[in-house]
């Protein structure tokens, strides 16, 4: 188990690089709009559809 403790610094570096890449991707322009805005709009539209679907009353047969 001693060899697992030696990689603690490498994990921090990998997480930092991954975080930087993910944030960079979110700010890329796709079709003239930043990707984070497209993602926010997709979540908003999905939630609106979900809320509309659950608001439909169930009528007994």
PDB file of N, CA and C in Angstrom:
ATOM      1  N   UNK A   1       0.805  -1.198   0.000  1.00  0.00           N
ATOM      2  CA  UNK A   1       0.000   0.000   0.000  1.00  0.00           C
ATOM      3  C   UNK A   1       0.848   1.262   0.000  1.00  0.00           C
ATOM      4  N   UNK A   2       2.112   1.171   0.261  1.00  0.00           N
ATOM      5  CA  UNK A   2       2.948   2.352   0.353  1.00  0.00           C
ATOM      6  C   UNK A   2       3.057   3.074  -0.986  1.00  0.00           C
ATOM      7  N   UNK A   3       3.013   2.342  -2.091  1.00  0.00           N
ATOM      8  CA  UNK A   3       3.151   2.966  -3.395  1.00  0.00           C
ATOM      9  C   UNK A   3       1.963   3.859  -3.739  1.00  0.00           C
ATOM     10  N   UNK A   4       0.812   3.697  -3.118  1.00  0.00           N
ATOM     11  CA  UNK A   4      -0.343   4.541  -3.394  1.00  0.00           C
ATOM     12  C   UNK A   4      -0.173   5.948  -2.821  1.00  0.00           C
ATOM     13  N   UNK A   5       0.546   6.091  -1.758  1.00  0.00           N
ATOM     14  CA  UNK A   5       0.721   7.398  -1.129  1.00  0.00           C
ATOM     15  C   UNK A   5       1.656   8.300  -1.924  1.00  0.00           C
ATOM     16  N   UNK A   6       2.496   7.750  -2.748  1.00  0.00           N
ATOM     17  CA  UNK A   6       3.455   8.543  -3.505  1.00  0.00           C
ATOM     18  C   UNK A   6       2.815   9.289  -4.671  1.00  0.00           C
ATOM     19  N   UNK A   7       1.588   8.951  -5.075  1.00  0.00           N
ATOM     20  CA  UNK A   7       0.965   9.576  -6.240  1.00  0.00           C
ATOM     21  C   UNK A   7       0.009  10.698  -5.851  1.00  0.00           C
ATOM     22  N   UNK A   8       0.047  11.186  -4.633  1.00  0.00           N
ATOM     23  CA  UNK A   8      -0.873  12.233  -4.190  1.00  0.00           C
ATOM     24  C   UNK A   8      -0.729  13.522  -4.968  1.00  0.00           C
ATOM     25  N   UNK A   9       0.471  13.938  -5.302  1.00  0.00           N
ATOM     26  CA  UNK A   9       0.681  15.158  -6.056  1.00  0.00           C
ATOM     27  C   UNK A   9       0.251  15.037  -7.498  1.00  0.00           C
ATOM     28  N   UNK A  10       0.382  13.868  -8.071  1.00  0.00           N
ATOM     29  CA  UNK A  10       0.000  13.661  -9.464  1.00  0.00           C
ATOM     30  C   UNK A  10      -1.501  13.786  -9.632  1.00  0.00           C
ATOM     31  N   UNK A  11      -2.262  13.323  -8.668  1.00  0.00           N
ATOM     32  CA  UNK A  11      -3.719  13.395  -8.759  1.00  0.00           C
ATOM     33  C   UNK A  11      -4.167  14.850  -8.789  1.00  0.00           C
ATOM     34  N   UNK A  12      -3.562  15.689  -7.988  1.00  0.00           N
ATOM     35  CA  UNK A  12      -3.910  17.111  -7.969  1.00  0.00           C
ATOM     36  C   UNK A  12      -3.631  17.745  -9.318  1.00  0.00           C
ATOM     37  N   UNK A  13      -2.529  17.386  -9.926  1.00  0.00           N
ATOM     38  CA  UNK A  13      -2.192  17.905 -11.249  1.00  0.00           C
ATOM     39  C   UNK A  13      -3.210  17.449 -12.287  1.00  0.00           C
ATOM     40  N   UNK A  14      -3.608  16.195 -12.241  1.00  0.00           N
ATOM     41  CA  UNK A  14      -4.585  15.677 -13.199  1.00  0.00           C
ATOM     42  C   UNK A  14      -5.943  16.349 -13.034  1.00  0.00           C
ATOM     43  N   UNK A  15      -6.377  16.558 -11.797  1.00  0.00           N
ATOM     44  CA  UNK A  15      -7.645  17.245 -11.565  1.00  0.00           C
ATOM     45  C   UNK A  15      -7.578  18.688 -12.063  1.00  0.00           C
ATOM     46  N   UNK A  16      -6.470  19.355 -11.851  1.00  0.00           N
ATOM     47  CA  UNK A  16      -6.324  20.738 -12.293  1.00  0.00           C
ATOM     48  C   UNK A  16      -6.371  20.829 -13.810  1.00  0.00           C
ATOM     49  N   UNK A  17      -5.666  19.967 -14.495  1.00  0.00           N
ATOM     50  CA  UNK A  17      -5.673  19.966 -15.963  1.00  0.00           C
ATOM     51  C   UNK A  17      -7.070  19.659 -16.484  1.00  0.00           C
ATOM     52  N   UNK A  18      -7.744  18.691 -15.886  1.00  0.00           N
ATOM     53  CA  UNK A  18      -9.101  18.333 -16.313  1.00  0.00           C
ATOM     54  C   UNK A  18     -10.053  19.504 -16.107  1.00  0.00           C
ATOM     55  N   UNK A  19      -9.959  20.186 -14.984  1.00  0.00           N
ATOM     56  CA  UNK A  19     -10.809  21.332 -14.702  1.00  0.00           C
ATOM     57  C   UNK A  19     -10.568  22.460 -15.699  1.00  0.00           C
ATOM     58  N   UNK A  20      -9.316  22.738 -16.004  1.00  0.00           N
ATOM     59  CA  UNK A  20      -8.986  23.799 -16.960  1.00  0.00           C
ATOM     60  C   UNK A  20      -9.547  23.459 -18.342  1.00  0.00           C
ATOM     61  N   UNK A  21      -9.415  22.216 -18.767  1.00  0.00           N
ATOM     62  CA  UNK A  21      -9.936  21.802 -20.077  1.00  0.00           C
ATOM     63  C   UNK A  21     -11.460  21.922 -20.103  1.00  0.00           C
ATOM     64  N   UNK A  22     -12.145  21.491 -19.045  1.00  0.00           N
ATOM     65  CA  UNK A  22     -13.609  21.547 -19.019  1.00  0.00           C
ATOM     66  C   UNK A  22     -14.117  22.988 -19.041  1.00  0.00           C
ATOM     67  N   UNK A  23     -13.482  23.874 -18.282  1.00  0.00           N
ATOM     68  CA  UNK A  23     -13.896  25.275 -18.278  1.00  0.00           C
ATOM     69  C   UNK A  23     -13.634  25.910 -19.640  1.00  0.00           C
ATOM     70  N   UNK A  24     -12.505  25.586 -20.249  1.00  0.00           N
ATOM     71  CA  UNK A  24     -12.191  26.110 -21.579  1.00  0.00           C
ATOM     72  C   UNK A  24     -13.225  25.663 -22.598  1.00  0.00           C
ATOM     73  N   UNK A  25     -13.629  24.419 -22.547  1.00  0.00           N
ATOM     74  CA  UNK A  25     -14.635  23.898 -23.487  1.00  0.00           C
ATOM     75  C   UNK A  25     -15.966  24.612 -23.295  1.00  0.00           C
ATOM     76  N   UNK A  26     -16.344  24.905 -22.055  1.00  0.00           N
ATOM     77  CA  UNK A  26     -17.616  25.569 -21.802  1.00  0.00           C
ATOM     78  C   UNK A  26     -17.670  26.974 -22.398  1.00  0.00           C
ATOM     79  N   UNK A  27     -16.526  27.627 -22.544  1.00  0.00           N
ATOM     80  CA  UNK A  27     -16.514  28.980 -23.075  1.00  0.00           C
ATOM     81  C   UNK A  27     -16.239  29.045 -24.577  1.00  0.00           C
ATOM     82  N   UNK A  28     -16.160  27.911 -25.253  1.00  0.00           N
ATOM     83  CA  UNK A  28     -15.991  27.909 -26.703  1.00  0.00           C
ATOM     84  C   UNK A  28     -17.289  28.346 -27.373  1.00  0.00           C
ATOM     85  N   UNK A  29     -17.155  29.059 -28.484  1.00  0.00           N
ATOM     86  CA  UNK A  29     -18.333  29.461 -29.243  1.00  0.00           C
ATOM     87  C   UNK A  29     -18.732  28.358 -30.212  1.00  0.00           C
ATOM     88  N   UNK A  30     -19.986  27.974 -30.139  1.00  0.00           N
ATOM     89  CA  UNK A  30     -20.549  27.005 -31.077  1.00  0.00           C
ATOM     90  C   UNK A  30     -21.757  27.675 -31.708  1.00  0.00           C
ATOM     91  N   UNK A  31     -21.734  27.863 -33.009  1.00  0.00           N
ATOM     92  CA  UNK A  31     -22.789  28.566 -33.741  1.00  0.00           C
ATOM     93  C   UNK A  31     -22.968  29.992 -33.229  1.00  0.00           C
ATOM     94  N   UNK A  32     -21.884  30.638 -32.804  1.00  0.00           N
ATOM     95  CA  UNK A  32     -21.928  32.019 -32.372  1.00  0.00           C
ATOM     96  C   UNK A  32     -22.378  32.235 -30.937  1.00  0.00           C
ATOM     97  N   UNK A  33     -22.639  31.173 -30.203  1.00  0.00           N
ATOM     98  CA  UNK A  33     -23.086  31.275 -28.810  1.00  0.00           C
ATOM     99  C   UNK A  33     -22.169  30.426 -27.942  1.00  0.00           C
ATOM    100  N   UNK A  34     -21.776  30.936 -26.774  1.00  0.00           N
ATOM    101  CA  UNK A  34     -20.947  30.117 -25.889  1.00  0.00           C
ATOM    102  C   UNK A  34     -21.665  28.829 -25.495  1.00  0.00           C
ATOM    103  N   UNK A  35     -20.901  27.786 -25.333  1.00  0.00           N
ATOM    104  CA  UNK A  35     -21.467  26.478 -25.043  1.00  0.00           C
ATOM    105  C   UNK A  35     -22.203  26.452 -23.707  1.00  0.00           C
ATOM    106  N   UNK A  36     -21.724  27.223 -22.714  1.00  0.00           N
ATOM    107  CA  UNK A  36     -22.411  27.211 -21.420  1.00  0.00           C
ATOM    108  C   UNK A  36     -23.814  27.802 -21.526  1.00  0.00           C
ATOM    109  N   UNK A  37     -24.025  28.778 -22.421  1.00  0.00           N
ATOM    110  CA  UNK A  37     -25.371  29.319 -22.611  1.00  0.00           C
ATOM    111  C   UNK A  37     -26.272  28.314 -23.309  1.00  0.00           C
ATOM    112  N   UNK A  38     -25.731  27.583 -24.272  1.00  0.00           N
ATOM    113  CA  UNK A  38     -26.516  26.548 -24.935  1.00  0.00           C
ATOM    114  C   UNK A  38     -26.901  25.455 -23.956  1.00  0.00           C
ATOM    115  N   UNK A  39     -25.974  25.090 -23.075  1.00  0.00           N
ATOM    116  CA  UNK A  39     -26.260  24.082 -22.062  1.00  0.00           C
ATOM    117  C   UNK A  39     -27.338  24.576 -21.099  1.00  0.00           C
ATOM    118  N   UNK A  40     -27.249  25.838 -20.678  1.00  0.00           N
ATOM    119  CA  UNK A  40     -28.257  26.406 -19.775  1.00  0.00           C
ATOM    120  C   UNK A  40     -29.626  26.446 -20.440  1.00  0.00           C
ATOM    121  N   UNK A  41     -29.677  26.800 -21.722  1.00  0.00           N
ATOM    122  CA  UNK A  41     -30.957  26.822 -22.440  1.00  0.00           C
ATOM    123  C   UNK A  41     -31.527  25.419 -22.601  1.00  0.00           C
ATOM    124  N   UNK A  42     -30.677  24.436 -22.835  1.00  0.00           N
ATOM    125  CA  UNK A  42     -31.152  23.059 -22.970  1.00  0.00           C
ATOM    126  C   UNK A  42     -31.741  22.558 -21.653  1.00  0.00           C
ATOM    127  N   UNK A  43     -31.089  22.893 -20.539  1.00  0.00           N
ATOM    128  CA  UNK A  43     -31.617  22.487 -19.227  1.00  0.00           C
ATOM    129  C   UNK A  43     -32.937  23.197 -18.958  1.00  0.00           C
ATOM    130  N   UNK A  44     -33.012  24.491 -19.274  1.00  0.00           N
ATOM    131  CA  UNK A  44     -34.240  25.259 -19.063  1.00  0.00           C
ATOM    132  C   UNK A  44     -35.395  24.691 -19.878  1.00  0.00           C
ATOM    133  N   UNK A  45     -35.145  24.420 -21.157  1.00  0.00           N
ATOM    134  CA  UNK A  45     -36.198  23.870 -22.022  1.00  0.00           C
ATOM    135  C   UNK A  45     -36.632  22.489 -21.554  1.00  0.00           C
ATOM    136  N   UNK A  46     -35.682  21.687 -21.125  1.00  0.00           N
ATOM    137  CA  UNK A  46     -36.010  20.349 -20.643  1.00  0.00           C
ATOM    138  C   UNK A  46     -36.865  20.428 -19.381  1.00  0.00           C
ATOM    139  N   UNK A  47     -36.512  21.330 -18.469  1.00  0.00           N
ATOM    140  CA  UNK A  47     -37.293  21.465 -17.239  1.00  0.00           C
ATOM    141  C   UNK A  47     -38.689  22.016 -17.533  1.00  0.00           C
ATOM    142  N   UNK A  48     -38.800  22.953 -18.471  1.00  0.00           N
ATOM    143  CA  UNK A  48     -40.114  23.466 -18.838  1.00  0.00           C
ATOM    144  C   UNK A  48     -40.992  22.360 -19.404  1.00  0.00           C
ATOM    145  N   UNK A  49     -40.422  21.504 -20.227  1.00  0.00           N
ATOM    146  CA  UNK A  49     -41.181  20.385 -20.779  1.00  0.00           C
ATOM    147  C   UNK A  49     -41.594  19.412 -19.682  1.00  0.00           C
ATOM    148  N   UNK A  50     -40.681  19.141 -18.758  1.00  0.00           N
ATOM    149  CA  UNK A  50     -40.990  18.252 -17.642  1.00  0.00           C
ATOM    150  C   UNK A  50     -42.095  18.832 -16.773  1.00  0.00           C
ATOM    151  N   UNK A  51     -41.997  20.122 -16.444  1.00  0.00           N
ATOM    152  CA  UNK A  51     -43.006  20.763 -15.599  1.00  0.00           C
ATOM    153  C   UNK A  51     -44.365  20.773 -16.286  1.00  0.00           C
ATOM    154  N   UNK A  52     -44.388  20.982 -17.596  1.00  0.00           N
ATOM    155  CA  UNK A  52     -45.657  20.957 -18.327  1.00  0.00           C
ATOM    156  C   UNK A  52     -46.244  19.552 -18.339  1.00  0.00           C
ATOM    157  N   UNK A  53     -45.391  18.554 -18.450  1.00  0.00           N
ATOM    158  CA  UNK A  53     -45.884  17.176 -18.507  1.00  0.00           C
ATOM    159  C   UNK A  53     -46.446  16.722 -17.164  1.00  0.00           C
ATOM    160  N   UNK A  54     -45.832  17.125 -16.067  1.00  0.00           N
ATOM    161  CA  UNK A  54     -46.347  16.672 -14.773  1.00  0.00           C
ATOM    162  C   UNK A  54     -47.536  17.497 -14.313  1.00  0.00           C
ATOM    163  N   UNK A  55     -47.800  18.640 -14.972  1.00  0.00           N
ATOM    164  CA  UNK A  55     -48.950  19.455 -14.584  1.00  0.00           C
ATOM    165  C   UNK A  55     -50.236  18.980 -15.239  1.00  0.00           C
ATOM    166  N   UNK A  56     -50.156  18.060 -16.188  1.00  0.00           N
ATOM    167  CA  UNK A  56     -51.351  17.525 -16.838  1.00  0.00           C
ATOM    168  C   UNK A  56     -52.087  16.636 -15.851  1.00  0.00           C
ATOM    169  N   UNK A  57     -53.347  16.951 -15.577  1.00  0.00           N
ATOM    170  CA  UNK A  57     -54.072  16.145 -14.608  1.00  0.00           C
ATOM    171  C   UNK A  57     -54.352  14.738 -15.129  1.00  0.00           C
ATOM    172  N   UNK A  58     -54.330  13.805 -14.221  1.00  0.00           N
ATOM    173  CA  UNK A  58     -54.627  12.414 -14.560  1.00  0.00           C
ATOM    174  C   UNK A  58     -56.127  12.218 -14.403  1.00  0.00           C
ATOM    175  N   UNK A  59     -56.776  11.831 -15.478  1.00  0.00           N
ATOM    176  CA  UNK A  59     -58.218  11.593 -15.402  1.00  0.00           C
ATOM    177  C   UNK A  59     -58.463  10.106 -15.267  1.00  0.00           C
ATOM    178  N   UNK A  60     -59.367   9.732 -14.387  1.00  0.00           N
ATOM    179  CA  UNK A  60     -59.652   8.305 -14.240  1.00  0.00           C
ATOM    180  C   UNK A  60     -60.365   7.767 -15.470  1.00  0.00           C
ATOM    181  N   UNK A  61     -60.166   6.507 -15.752  1.00  0.00           N
ATOM    182  CA  UNK A  61     -60.793   5.891 -16.928  1.00  0.00           C
ATOM    183  C   UNK A  61     -62.174   5.502 -16.641  1.00  0.00           C
TER     184      UNK A  61
END
